[in-house]
Amino acid sequence: QEQTVQILLYLDTVPIKWRLSDALAELLEVNIETRPKIIASIWKYIKERGLVDPKDKNIIIADETLKTVFSKDRFEFSEITSLITGHLSKVDPVEIEYKIKLNGDFREYRKCYDITIESEEGFEEGNEGNENRGRSVTEMDDLAKEIKDKCEKIKNLEQFVEDPVKTVEKWIDEQ
């Protein structure tokens, strides 16, 4: 017997990342981003194109692209937060379809999945000039070794559950 289930993984990011509407994604050339970075990118776009009203620095004069996205010819910079709200939605979860085997040894049915996630933390060797951000390759190797050690401990415990006497004898022989 088996039962098919769908596993949904919702990525919990801090600060929260949002899926951008197609129009805003095209403008900023990014599909998923945090609200502060979206606002910063819009401001960069405005500055690079000189869209600030020279008479009133609080007013943005929209070019054709901004008009298409926000449906306004002019707006105050302080309005950007409310203008982007309609262009943001929750990020879709990672979906995994999995078959649960209801008979037999559960260890025979294990599966591993590679799930790509975004990270702003650097993994470059040494992290020069970036000491407080990310992890170096050496730190990542240490974490990988720690994970491998924990997996080995789990394997040993599973062997112990299967045959405690044989496992203890093996441990004694290894000493």
N, C-alpha and C. Protein backbone atom coordinates (compact mmCIF):
# COMPACT_ATOMS: atom_id res chain seq x y z
N GLN A 1 0.84 -1.19 0.00
CA GLN A 1 0.00 0.00 0.00
C GLN A 1 0.88 1.24 0.00
N GLU A 2 0.39 2.27 -0.65
CA GLU A 2 1.09 3.55 -0.62
C GLU A 2 0.07 4.68 -0.74
N GLN A 3 0.47 5.81 -0.22
CA GLN A 3 -0.38 7.00 -0.25
C GLN A 3 0.46 8.15 -0.81
N THR A 4 -0.06 8.82 -1.82
CA THR A 4 0.64 9.97 -2.39
C THR A 4 0.24 11.23 -1.64
N VAL A 5 1.24 11.98 -1.21
CA VAL A 5 1.00 13.24 -0.51
C VAL A 5 1.77 14.36 -1.21
N GLN A 6 1.31 15.55 -1.00
CA GLN A 6 2.01 16.71 -1.54
C GLN A 6 2.57 17.49 -0.35
N ILE A 7 3.87 17.71 -0.38
CA ILE A 7 4.54 18.44 0.69
C ILE A 7 4.81 19.85 0.17
N LEU A 8 4.38 20.84 0.93
CA LEU A 8 4.60 22.24 0.57
C LEU A 8 5.59 22.85 1.55
N LEU A 9 6.67 23.40 1.04
CA LEU A 9 7.67 24.05 1.87
C LEU A 9 7.59 25.55 1.64
N TYR A 10 7.20 26.26 2.68
CA TYR A 10 7.12 27.71 2.60
C TYR A 10 8.42 28.28 3.17
N LEU A 11 9.16 29.01 2.35
CA LEU A 11 10.42 29.56 2.79
C LEU A 11 10.16 30.77 3.68
N ASP A 12 10.76 30.74 4.85
CA ASP A 12 10.58 31.79 5.84
C ASP A 12 11.80 32.69 5.80
N THR A 13 11.69 33.81 5.12
CA THR A 13 12.82 34.73 4.98
C THR A 13 12.63 35.95 5.86
N VAL A 14 13.73 36.48 6.34
CA VAL A 14 13.70 37.71 7.13
C VAL A 14 14.70 38.66 6.52
N PRO A 15 14.27 39.84 6.02
CA PRO A 15 12.88 40.26 5.91
C PRO A 15 12.13 39.44 4.86
N ILE A 16 10.82 39.55 4.88
CA ILE A 16 9.97 38.77 4.00
C ILE A 16 10.25 39.12 2.54
N LYS A 17 10.35 38.08 1.72
CA LYS A 17 10.51 38.28 0.27
C LYS A 17 9.15 38.12 -0.38
N TRP A 18 8.94 38.90 -1.44
CA TRP A 18 7.67 38.94 -2.15
C TRP A 18 7.87 38.60 -3.61
N ARG A 19 6.85 38.00 -4.23
CA ARG A 19 6.83 37.79 -5.67
C ARG A 19 6.31 39.08 -6.29
N LEU A 20 7.01 39.61 -7.29
CA LEU A 20 6.62 40.85 -7.95
C LEU A 20 5.69 40.54 -9.12
N SER A 21 4.80 41.48 -9.41
CA SER A 21 3.93 41.34 -10.59
C SER A 21 4.83 41.34 -11.82
N ASP A 22 4.31 40.88 -12.93
CA ASP A 22 5.10 40.82 -14.16
C ASP A 22 5.62 42.21 -14.54
N ALA A 23 4.75 43.22 -14.43
CA ALA A 23 5.14 44.58 -14.83
C ALA A 23 6.27 45.11 -13.95
N LEU A 24 6.15 44.95 -12.65
CA LEU A 24 7.19 45.44 -11.74
C LEU A 24 8.46 44.60 -11.87
N ALA A 25 8.30 43.30 -12.07
CA ALA A 25 9.46 42.42 -12.25
C ALA A 25 10.25 42.81 -13.50
N GLU A 26 9.54 43.17 -14.55
CA GLU A 26 10.21 43.60 -15.78
C GLU A 26 10.95 44.91 -15.57
N LEU A 27 10.35 45.82 -14.84
CA LEU A 27 10.98 47.12 -14.55
C LEU A 27 12.26 46.93 -13.74
N LEU A 28 12.21 46.09 -12.71
CA LEU A 28 13.34 45.94 -11.79
C LEU A 28 14.25 44.77 -12.13
N GLU A 29 13.84 43.97 -13.12
CA GLU A 29 14.61 42.80 -13.56
C GLU A 29 14.87 41.82 -12.43
N VAL A 30 13.85 41.59 -11.61
CA VAL A 30 13.92 40.62 -10.51
C VAL A 30 12.50 40.13 -10.25
N ASN A 31 12.35 38.86 -9.90
CA ASN A 31 11.02 38.29 -9.68
C ASN A 31 10.63 38.22 -8.21
N ILE A 32 11.61 38.01 -7.35
CA ILE A 32 11.36 37.87 -5.92
C ILE A 32 12.35 38.75 -5.17
N GLU A 33 11.83 39.57 -4.24
CA GLU A 33 12.72 40.47 -3.49
C GLU A 33 12.02 40.97 -2.24
N THR A 34 12.80 41.58 -1.34
CA THR A 34 12.24 42.17 -0.12
C THR A 34 11.68 43.55 -0.45
N ARG A 35 10.74 43.99 0.36
CA ARG A 35 10.12 45.30 0.15
C ARG A 35 11.17 46.44 0.18
N PRO A 36 12.08 46.47 1.16
CA PRO A 36 13.07 47.55 1.17
C PRO A 36 13.94 47.58 -0.09
N LYS A 37 14.32 46.41 -0.61
CA LYS A 37 15.15 46.38 -1.82
C LYS A 37 14.34 46.79 -3.05
N ILE A 38 13.06 46.46 -3.05
CA ILE A 38 12.20 46.88 -4.16
C ILE A 38 12.13 48.41 -4.20
N ILE A 39 11.88 49.01 -3.04
CA ILE A 39 11.79 50.47 -2.96
C ILE A 39 13.12 51.11 -3.35
N ALA A 40 14.22 50.54 -2.86
CA ALA A 40 15.55 51.06 -3.20
C ALA A 40 15.80 50.96 -4.71
N SER A 41 15.38 49.86 -5.32
CA SER A 41 15.56 49.69 -6.76
C SER A 41 14.73 50.68 -7.56
N ILE A 42 13.51 50.93 -7.09
CA ILE A 42 12.67 51.93 -7.77
C ILE A 42 13.32 53.30 -7.66
N TRP A 43 13.82 53.64 -6.47
CA TRP A 43 14.48 54.94 -6.29
C TRP A 43 15.70 55.05 -7.20
N LYS A 44 16.47 53.98 -7.31
CA LYS A 44 17.63 53.97 -8.20
C LYS A 44 17.18 54.22 -9.65
N TYR A 45 16.12 53.55 -10.06
CA TYR A 45 15.57 53.73 -11.40
C TYR A 45 15.20 55.19 -11.63
N ILE A 46 14.52 55.79 -10.65
CA ILE A 46 14.07 57.18 -10.75
C ILE A 46 15.27 58.13 -10.85
N LYS A 47 16.27 57.92 -9.99
CA LYS A 47 17.45 58.80 -10.00
C LYS A 47 18.23 58.68 -11.30
N GLU A 48 18.44 57.46 -11.77
CA GLU A 48 19.21 57.24 -13.00
C GLU A 48 18.57 57.90 -14.21
N ARG A 49 17.26 58.04 -14.20
CA ARG A 49 16.55 58.61 -15.34
C ARG A 49 16.13 60.06 -15.11
N GLY A 50 16.53 60.62 -13.97
CA GLY A 50 16.21 62.02 -13.67
C GLY A 50 14.73 62.30 -13.63
N LEU A 51 13.96 61.46 -12.96
CA LEU A 51 12.50 61.59 -12.95
C LEU A 51 11.97 62.40 -11.76
N VAL A 52 12.88 62.98 -10.96
CA VAL A 52 12.44 63.82 -9.84
C VAL A 52 12.10 65.20 -10.39
N ASP A 53 10.94 65.72 -10.00
CA ASP A 53 10.50 67.05 -10.43
C ASP A 53 11.50 68.08 -9.89
N PRO A 54 12.12 68.89 -10.78
CA PRO A 54 13.11 69.87 -10.31
C PRO A 54 12.50 70.96 -9.42
N LYS A 55 11.20 71.22 -9.58
CA LYS A 55 10.55 72.26 -8.78
C LYS A 55 10.13 71.74 -7.40
N ASP A 56 9.79 70.46 -7.33
CA ASP A 56 9.36 69.86 -6.06
C ASP A 56 10.02 68.48 -5.96
N LYS A 57 11.06 68.39 -5.17
CA LYS A 57 11.87 67.16 -5.07
C LYS A 57 11.09 65.97 -4.50
N ASN A 58 9.90 66.19 -3.95
CA ASN A 58 9.08 65.10 -3.43
C ASN A 58 8.24 64.44 -4.52
N ILE A 59 8.17 65.07 -5.69
CA ILE A 59 7.32 64.58 -6.77
C ILE A 59 8.16 63.83 -7.81
N ILE A 60 7.63 62.68 -8.23
CA ILE A 60 8.25 61.88 -9.28
C ILE A 60 7.41 62.06 -10.54
N ILE A 61 8.08 62.38 -11.64
CA ILE A 61 7.41 62.48 -12.94
C ILE A 61 7.65 61.16 -13.65
N ALA A 62 6.60 60.37 -13.80
CA ALA A 62 6.73 59.02 -14.34
C ALA A 62 7.06 59.03 -15.82
N ASP A 63 8.01 58.16 -16.20
CA ASP A 63 8.25 57.93 -17.62
C ASP A 63 7.22 56.89 -18.08
N GLU A 64 7.27 56.48 -19.33
CA GLU A 64 6.26 55.55 -19.86
C GLU A 64 6.25 54.22 -19.08
N THR A 65 7.41 53.75 -18.70
CA THR A 65 7.47 52.47 -17.97
C THR A 65 6.81 52.59 -16.61
N LEU A 66 7.12 53.66 -15.86
CA LEU A 66 6.50 53.85 -14.55
C LEU A 66 5.00 54.09 -14.68
N LYS A 67 4.59 54.79 -15.73
CA LYS A 67 3.15 55.00 -15.96
C LYS A 67 2.46 53.66 -16.16
N THR A 68 3.09 52.78 -16.91
CA THR A 68 2.51 51.45 -17.16
C THR A 68 2.39 50.67 -15.86
N VAL A 69 3.41 50.73 -15.01
CA VAL A 69 3.41 49.96 -13.76
C VAL A 69 2.44 50.54 -12.75
N PHE A 70 2.51 51.87 -12.53
CA PHE A 70 1.75 52.48 -11.44
C PHE A 70 0.49 53.21 -11.88
N SER A 71 0.26 53.34 -13.18
CA SER A 71 -0.94 54.01 -13.72
C SER A 71 -1.08 55.45 -13.23
N LYS A 72 0.04 56.14 -13.11
CA LYS A 72 0.04 57.54 -12.68
C LYS A 72 1.10 58.31 -13.45
N ASP A 73 0.79 59.58 -13.77
CA ASP A 73 1.76 60.44 -14.44
C ASP A 73 2.75 61.04 -13.45
N ARG A 74 2.24 61.35 -12.26
CA ARG A 74 3.06 61.98 -11.20
C ARG A 74 2.63 61.37 -9.87
N PHE A 75 3.59 61.27 -8.98
CA PHE A 75 3.26 60.79 -7.63
C PHE A 75 4.38 61.21 -6.68
N GLU A 76 4.04 61.26 -5.41
CA GLU A 76 5.04 61.59 -4.41
C GLU A 76 5.85 60.33 -4.10
N PHE A 77 7.11 60.54 -3.75
CA PHE A 77 7.96 59.39 -3.43
C PHE A 77 7.37 58.60 -2.27
N SER A 78 6.76 59.28 -1.32
CA SER A 78 6.17 58.61 -0.15
C SER A 78 5.02 57.67 -0.54
N GLU A 79 4.49 57.80 -1.75
CA GLU A 79 3.40 56.93 -2.21
C GLU A 79 3.90 55.57 -2.71
N ILE A 80 5.20 55.45 -2.93
CA ILE A 80 5.73 54.22 -3.54
C ILE A 80 5.35 52.99 -2.72
N THR A 81 5.43 53.10 -1.40
CA THR A 81 5.09 51.95 -0.56
C THR A 81 3.68 51.45 -0.85
N SER A 82 2.73 52.35 -0.94
CA SER A 82 1.35 51.92 -1.22
C SER A 82 1.18 51.52 -2.68
N LEU A 83 1.92 52.16 -3.59
CA LEU A 83 1.80 51.83 -5.01
C LEU A 83 2.31 50.42 -5.31
N ILE A 84 3.33 49.97 -4.61
CA ILE A 84 3.87 48.63 -4.91
C ILE A 84 3.05 47.51 -4.26
N THR A 85 2.25 47.83 -3.26
CA THR A 85 1.51 46.80 -2.53
C THR A 85 0.69 45.92 -3.46
N GLY A 86 0.03 46.50 -4.42
CA GLY A 86 -0.77 45.73 -5.37
C GLY A 86 0.06 44.89 -6.32
N HIS A 87 1.36 45.13 -6.34
CA HIS A 87 2.26 44.39 -7.24
C HIS A 87 3.00 43.28 -6.51
N LEU A 88 2.70 43.07 -5.22
CA LEU A 88 3.40 42.06 -4.44
C LEU A 88 2.45 40.95 -4.02
N SER A 89 2.93 39.74 -4.06
CA SER A 89 2.16 38.59 -3.58
C SER A 89 3.10 37.62 -2.88
N LYS A 90 2.52 36.70 -2.13
CA LYS A 90 3.34 35.72 -1.42
C LYS A 90 4.11 34.86 -2.41
N VAL A 91 5.30 34.47 -2.00
CA VAL A 91 6.13 33.60 -2.83
C VAL A 91 5.52 32.20 -2.81
N ASP A 92 5.48 31.57 -3.97
CA ASP A 92 4.92 30.22 -4.06
C ASP A 92 5.78 29.25 -3.26
N PRO A 93 5.15 28.27 -2.63
CA PRO A 93 5.94 27.28 -1.88
C PRO A 93 6.65 26.31 -2.83
N VAL A 94 7.66 25.64 -2.32
CA VAL A 94 8.29 24.55 -3.05
C VAL A 94 7.37 23.35 -2.88
N GLU A 95 7.02 22.71 -3.99
CA GLU A 95 6.08 21.58 -3.95
C GLU A 95 6.83 20.28 -4.23
N ILE A 96 6.59 19.30 -3.36
CA ILE A 96 7.20 17.98 -3.53
C ILE A 96 6.08 16.94 -3.46
N GLU A 97 5.99 16.10 -4.48
CA GLU A 97 5.04 15.00 -4.43
C GLU A 97 5.80 13.78 -3.90
N TYR A 98 5.25 13.14 -2.89
CA TYR A 98 5.94 12.05 -2.22
C TYR A 98 4.97 10.89 -1.99
N LYS A 99 5.46 9.67 -2.17
CA LYS A 99 4.65 8.48 -1.94
C LYS A 99 5.06 7.87 -0.61
N ILE A 100 4.10 7.76 0.29
CA ILE A 100 4.35 7.14 1.59
C ILE A 100 4.03 5.65 1.45
N LYS A 101 5.02 4.82 1.73
CA LYS A 101 4.84 3.37 1.70
C LYS A 101 4.30 2.96 3.06
N LEU A 102 3.16 2.30 3.07
CA LEU A 102 2.51 1.93 4.32
C LEU A 102 2.88 0.52 4.79
N ASN A 103 3.70 -0.18 4.01
CA ASN A 103 4.14 -1.50 4.44
C ASN A 103 5.63 -1.64 4.15
N GLY A 104 6.27 -2.60 4.78
CA GLY A 104 7.70 -2.81 4.59
C GLY A 104 8.51 -1.94 5.53
N ASP A 105 9.81 -1.99 5.34
CA ASP A 105 10.75 -1.24 6.18
C ASP A 105 10.83 0.19 5.69
N PHE A 106 10.51 1.14 6.55
CA PHE A 106 10.48 2.55 6.15
C PHE A 106 11.84 3.04 5.64
N ARG A 107 12.94 2.43 6.09
CA ARG A 107 14.28 2.88 5.69
C ARG A 107 14.56 2.62 4.21
N GLU A 108 13.82 1.71 3.62
CA GLU A 108 14.01 1.40 2.20
C GLU A 108 13.42 2.48 1.30
N TYR A 109 12.60 3.35 1.88
CA TYR A 109 11.86 4.31 1.06
C TYR A 109 12.31 5.75 1.29
N ARG A 110 13.48 5.93 1.82
CA ARG A 110 13.96 7.29 2.05
C ARG A 110 14.25 7.98 0.73
N LYS A 111 14.06 9.28 0.72
CA LYS A 111 14.36 10.07 -0.47
C LYS A 111 15.05 11.35 -0.04
N CYS A 112 15.89 11.86 -0.90
CA CYS A 112 16.54 13.15 -0.68
C CYS A 112 16.15 14.07 -1.82
N TYR A 113 16.02 15.33 -1.51
CA TYR A 113 15.66 16.32 -2.52
C TYR A 113 16.64 17.48 -2.45
N ASP A 114 17.06 17.95 -3.59
CA ASP A 114 17.85 19.17 -3.66
C ASP A 114 16.88 20.31 -3.91
N ILE A 115 16.90 21.30 -3.03
CA ILE A 115 16.02 22.44 -3.17
C ILE A 115 16.90 23.68 -3.25
N THR A 116 16.79 24.39 -4.36
CA THR A 116 17.59 25.59 -4.55
C THR A 116 16.95 26.74 -3.79
N ILE A 117 17.76 27.43 -2.99
CA ILE A 117 17.29 28.61 -2.29
C ILE A 117 18.27 29.74 -2.55
N GLU A 118 17.77 30.95 -2.44
CA GLU A 118 18.64 32.11 -2.61
C GLU A 118 19.29 32.43 -1.28
N SER A 119 20.52 32.92 -1.36
CA SER A 119 21.21 33.33 -0.15
C SER A 119 22.06 34.54 -0.48
N GLU A 120 22.01 35.51 0.40
CA GLU A 120 22.85 36.68 0.22
C GLU A 120 24.16 36.52 0.97
N GLU A 121 24.27 35.45 1.74
CA GLU A 121 25.50 35.20 2.46
C GLU A 121 26.52 34.66 1.50
N GLY A 122 27.74 35.18 1.58
CA GLY A 122 28.78 34.73 0.67
C GLY A 122 29.42 33.45 1.16
N PHE A 123 29.93 32.64 0.24
CA PHE A 123 30.63 31.42 0.59
C PHE A 123 32.03 31.45 0.00
N GLU A 124 32.51 32.61 -0.34
CA GLU A 124 33.78 32.69 -1.00
C GLU A 124 34.92 32.45 -0.02
N GLU A 125 36.01 31.91 -0.53
CA GLU A 125 37.18 31.58 0.29
C GLU A 125 37.69 32.81 1.00
N GLY A 126 37.83 32.70 2.31
CA GLY A 126 38.43 33.78 3.09
C GLY A 126 37.48 34.87 3.51
N ASN A 127 36.52 35.23 2.68
CA ASN A 127 35.59 36.32 3.00
C ASN A 127 36.29 37.63 3.31
N GLU A 128 37.37 37.93 2.61
CA GLU A 128 38.08 39.17 2.87
C GLU A 128 37.16 40.37 2.73
N GLY A 129 37.22 41.26 3.71
CA GLY A 129 36.39 42.46 3.67
C GLY A 129 34.93 42.19 3.93
N ASN A 130 34.63 40.98 4.31
CA ASN A 130 33.24 40.59 4.49
C ASN A 130 33.11 39.71 5.73
N GLU A 131 33.88 40.04 6.77
CA GLU A 131 34.02 39.18 7.94
C GLU A 131 32.72 38.91 8.66
N ASN A 132 31.79 39.85 8.65
CA ASN A 132 30.55 39.70 9.41
C ASN A 132 29.41 39.14 8.59
N ARG A 133 29.66 38.75 7.35
CA ARG A 133 28.61 38.24 6.47
C ARG A 133 29.00 36.91 5.89
N GLY A 134 28.08 35.99 5.90
CA GLY A 134 28.31 34.74 5.22
C GLY A 134 29.26 33.82 5.95
N ARG A 135 29.64 32.77 5.27
CA ARG A 135 30.54 31.79 5.84
C ARG A 135 31.62 31.47 4.83
N SER A 136 32.80 31.23 5.32
CA SER A 136 33.90 30.88 4.42
C SER A 136 33.74 29.43 3.98
N VAL A 137 34.50 29.05 2.97
CA VAL A 137 34.47 27.68 2.48
C VAL A 137 34.88 26.73 3.60
N THR A 138 35.85 27.11 4.40
CA THR A 138 36.31 26.27 5.51
C THR A 138 35.18 26.05 6.51
N GLU A 139 34.45 27.10 6.85
CA GLU A 139 33.31 26.96 7.77
C GLU A 139 32.25 26.04 7.18
N MET A 140 32.01 26.17 5.88
CA MET A 140 31.01 25.32 5.23
C MET A 140 31.48 23.86 5.24
N ASP A 141 32.78 23.63 5.03
CA ASP A 141 33.31 22.26 5.10
C ASP A 141 33.13 21.69 6.50
N ASP A 142 33.37 22.52 7.52
CA ASP A 142 33.19 22.08 8.90
C ASP A 142 31.74 21.71 9.17
N LEU A 143 30.81 22.52 8.66
CA LEU A 143 29.38 22.22 8.84
C LEU A 143 29.01 20.93 8.11
N ALA A 144 29.55 20.73 6.92
CA ALA A 144 29.28 19.50 6.16
C ALA A 144 29.79 18.28 6.92
N LYS A 145 30.98 18.40 7.53
CA LYS A 145 31.54 17.30 8.31
C LYS A 145 30.66 17.02 9.53
N GLU A 146 30.18 18.07 10.17
CA GLU A 146 29.30 17.91 11.33
C GLU A 146 28.00 17.18 10.94
N ILE A 147 27.45 17.54 9.78
CA ILE A 147 26.24 16.87 9.29
C ILE A 147 26.53 15.40 9.01
N LYS A 148 27.67 15.12 8.38
CA LYS A 148 28.06 13.74 8.07
C LYS A 148 28.21 12.94 9.37
N ASP A 149 28.83 13.53 10.38
CA ASP A 149 29.00 12.85 11.67
C ASP A 149 27.65 12.53 12.30
N LYS A 150 26.73 13.48 12.24
CA LYS A 150 25.39 13.26 12.82
C LYS A 150 24.66 12.15 12.06
N CYS A 151 24.82 12.10 10.75
CA CYS A 151 24.20 11.03 9.95
C CYS A 151 24.78 9.68 10.35
N GLU A 152 26.08 9.64 10.60
CA GLU A 152 26.73 8.39 11.03
C GLU A 152 26.18 7.95 12.39
N LYS A 153 25.97 8.90 13.29
CA LYS A 153 25.40 8.57 14.61
C LYS A 153 23.99 8.00 14.46
N ILE A 154 23.21 8.60 13.58
CA ILE A 154 21.84 8.11 13.34
C ILE A 154 21.90 6.68 12.80
N LYS A 155 22.82 6.43 11.86
CA LYS A 155 22.96 5.09 11.29
C LYS A 155 23.32 4.09 12.39
N ASN A 156 24.24 4.48 13.28
CA ASN A 156 24.63 3.59 14.39
C ASN A 156 23.44 3.31 15.31
N LEU A 157 22.66 4.32 15.60
CA LEU A 157 21.49 4.13 16.46
C LEU A 157 20.46 3.22 15.80
N GLU A 158 20.29 3.36 14.49
CA GLU A 158 19.37 2.48 13.77
C GLU A 158 19.84 1.04 13.82
N GLN A 159 21.18 0.83 13.69
CA GLN A 159 21.73 -0.52 13.80
C GLN A 159 21.50 -1.07 15.20
N PHE A 160 21.63 -0.20 16.20
CA PHE A 160 21.41 -0.61 17.58
C PHE A 160 19.97 -1.07 17.79
N VAL A 161 19.03 -0.33 17.19
CA VAL A 161 17.61 -0.69 17.31
C VAL A 161 17.36 -2.06 16.67
N GLU A 162 18.00 -2.32 15.53
CA GLU A 162 17.81 -3.59 14.82
C GLU A 162 18.40 -4.77 15.59
N ASP A 163 19.62 -4.60 16.07
CA ASP A 163 20.29 -5.71 16.76
C ASP A 163 21.22 -5.13 17.83
N PRO A 164 20.69 -4.89 19.04
CA PRO A 164 21.48 -4.24 20.09
C PRO A 164 22.75 -5.02 20.47
N VAL A 165 22.65 -6.32 20.59
CA VAL A 165 23.80 -7.12 21.03
C VAL A 165 24.93 -7.03 20.01
N LYS A 166 24.59 -7.25 18.76
CA LYS A 166 25.61 -7.22 17.70
C LYS A 166 26.25 -5.83 17.61
N THR A 167 25.44 -4.78 17.75
CA THR A 167 25.95 -3.42 17.66
C THR A 167 26.90 -3.11 18.81
N VAL A 168 26.56 -3.52 20.03
CA VAL A 168 27.43 -3.27 21.18
C VAL A 168 28.74 -4.05 21.01
N GLU A 169 28.64 -5.28 20.54
CA GLU A 169 29.86 -6.07 20.30
C GLU A 169 30.75 -5.37 19.27
N LYS A 170 30.14 -4.84 18.23
CA LYS A 170 30.89 -4.11 17.21
C LYS A 170 31.57 -2.88 17.80
N TRP A 171 30.86 -2.14 18.64
CA TRP A 171 31.43 -0.95 19.28
C TRP A 171 32.62 -1.34 20.16
N ILE A 172 32.49 -2.45 20.89
CA ILE A 172 33.57 -2.90 21.76
C ILE A 172 34.79 -3.27 20.92
N ASP A 173 34.57 -3.99 19.82
CA ASP A 173 35.67 -4.38 18.94
C ASP A 173 36.40 -3.18 18.35
N GLU A 174 35.66 -2.10 18.11
CA GLU A 174 36.25 -0.90 17.50
C GLU A 174 37.08 -0.09 18.49
N GLN A 175 36.94 -0.37 19.79
CA GLN A 175 37.66 0.41 20.81
C GLN A 175 39.12 0.02 20.90
